[in-house]
Protein backbone atom coordinates (compact mmCIF):
# COMPACT_ATOMS: atom_id res chain seq x y z
CA MET A 1 16.37 16.54 -22.93
CA ALA A 2 16.05 20.19 -23.84
CA HIS A 3 19.74 20.13 -25.74
CA LEU A 4 18.32 16.85 -27.61
CA GLY A 5 15.41 18.96 -29.00
CA PHE A 6 13.04 17.23 -27.24
CA ASP A 7 10.27 18.80 -24.37
CA ALA A 8 11.23 18.09 -20.89
CA PRO A 9 7.99 16.21 -19.55
CA GLU A 10 6.70 17.96 -16.47
CA PRO A 11 7.85 16.13 -13.94
CA PRO A 12 5.22 14.82 -10.88
CA SER A 13 3.35 16.68 -8.68
CA PHE A 14 4.40 15.96 -5.05
CA ASP A 15 1.18 15.29 -2.88
CA ALA A 16 1.75 15.03 1.36
CA ASP A 17 -1.56 13.19 1.89
CA ILE A 18 -0.49 10.49 -0.84
CA GLN A 19 2.40 10.24 0.53
CA ASP A 20 1.35 9.89 3.89
CA VAL A 21 -1.62 7.07 2.99
CA ILE A 22 1.60 5.35 1.28
CA GLN A 23 4.12 5.73 4.62
CA THR A 24 0.86 4.78 6.35
CA PHE A 25 0.26 1.46 4.67
CA TYR A 26 3.54 0.49 5.09
CA LEU A 27 3.55 0.65 8.14
CA VAL A 28 0.54 -1.24 8.51
CA ALA A 29 1.50 -4.50 6.38
CA ARG A 30 4.36 -4.48 8.38
CA GLY A 31 2.36 -5.69 11.18
CA ARG A 32 0.52 -7.90 8.67
CA SER A 33 -0.62 -10.95 11.02
CA TYR A 34 -0.15 -14.56 9.31
CA THR A 35 -1.28 -17.63 9.39
CA GLU A 36 0.21 -21.26 8.02
CA GLY A 37 2.31 -18.97 6.21
CA LYS A 38 -0.30 -16.68 4.20
CA PRO A 39 -0.79 -13.12 4.93
CA LEU A 40 -4.24 -12.08 6.36
CA PRO A 41 -6.11 -9.01 5.45
CA ILE A 42 -5.12 -5.63 7.36
CA SER A 43 -7.79 -4.96 10.05
CA VAL A 44 -8.89 -1.44 11.26
CA LYS A 45 -7.17 -2.54 14.54
CA ASN A 46 -4.17 -2.55 12.63
CA ILE A 47 -4.88 0.97 10.67
CA THR A 48 -5.52 2.09 14.36
CA ASP A 49 -2.52 1.25 15.69
CA VAL A 50 -0.07 2.28 13.37
CA VAL A 51 -1.91 5.77 13.12
CA SER A 52 -2.57 6.25 17.22
CA VAL A 53 1.87 6.36 17.02
CA HIS A 54 1.91 8.12 13.59
CA PRO A 55 -1.13 10.68 12.99
CA ILE A 56 -1.99 11.58 9.19
CA ASP A 57 -4.43 14.50 8.49
CA VAL A 58 -6.39 12.05 6.06
CA PRO A 59 -9.45 11.59 6.82
CA ARG A 60 -9.92 7.72 8.27
CA SER A 61 -12.68 6.48 6.03
CA VAL A 62 -10.90 8.11 3.68
CA LEU A 63 -7.92 6.51 4.91
CA ASP A 64 -9.54 3.12 5.66
CA SER A 65 -10.66 2.58 1.95
CA ILE A 66 -7.13 3.47 0.44
CA ILE A 67 -5.16 0.80 2.35
CA PHE A 68 -8.07 -2.02 2.31
CA GLU A 69 -7.73 -1.57 -1.58
CA LEU A 70 -4.01 -1.39 -1.28
CA ASP A 71 -3.92 -4.32 0.64
CA ASN A 72 -6.55 -5.93 -2.20
CA LEU A 73 -4.42 -5.58 -4.24
CA VAL A 74 -1.49 -7.05 -2.66
CA LEU A 75 -3.10 -10.28 -1.66
CA ASP A 76 -4.50 -11.06 -5.00
CA GLU A 77 -0.59 -10.49 -6.36
CA VAL A 78 0.24 -12.88 -3.39
CA ALA A 79 -2.63 -15.36 -4.40
CA GLU A 80 -1.83 -15.05 -8.00
CA ASN A 81 2.20 -15.59 -7.21
CA ASN A 82 1.06 -18.56 -5.31
CA LYS A 83 -0.91 -20.00 -7.80
CA LYS A 84 2.12 -20.20 -10.80
CA ALA A 85 4.17 -21.29 -8.47
CA ALA A 86 1.71 -24.59 -7.50
CA ASP A 87 1.04 -24.78 -11.25
CA LYS A 88 4.75 -25.37 -11.55
CA ALA A 89 5.45 -27.93 -8.88
């Protein structure tokens, strides 16, 4: 970008803990339970099952809070998409 006369933006910083949390969420979500085709919320047991095999250095209370918040975002998006699909039908 410098050769075009633009300042190059700073690259994003890499945070291993955040990467570990994202990877843990991905693994936990892969084991999510469903009922009648609808995703159920992630449980403490789901998280425990993953971190017992793939431990990370993030304190468990922090990890649980982040994973539950990410899960809420995912479930809200699924509900919104389902509502939109039902409205179109």
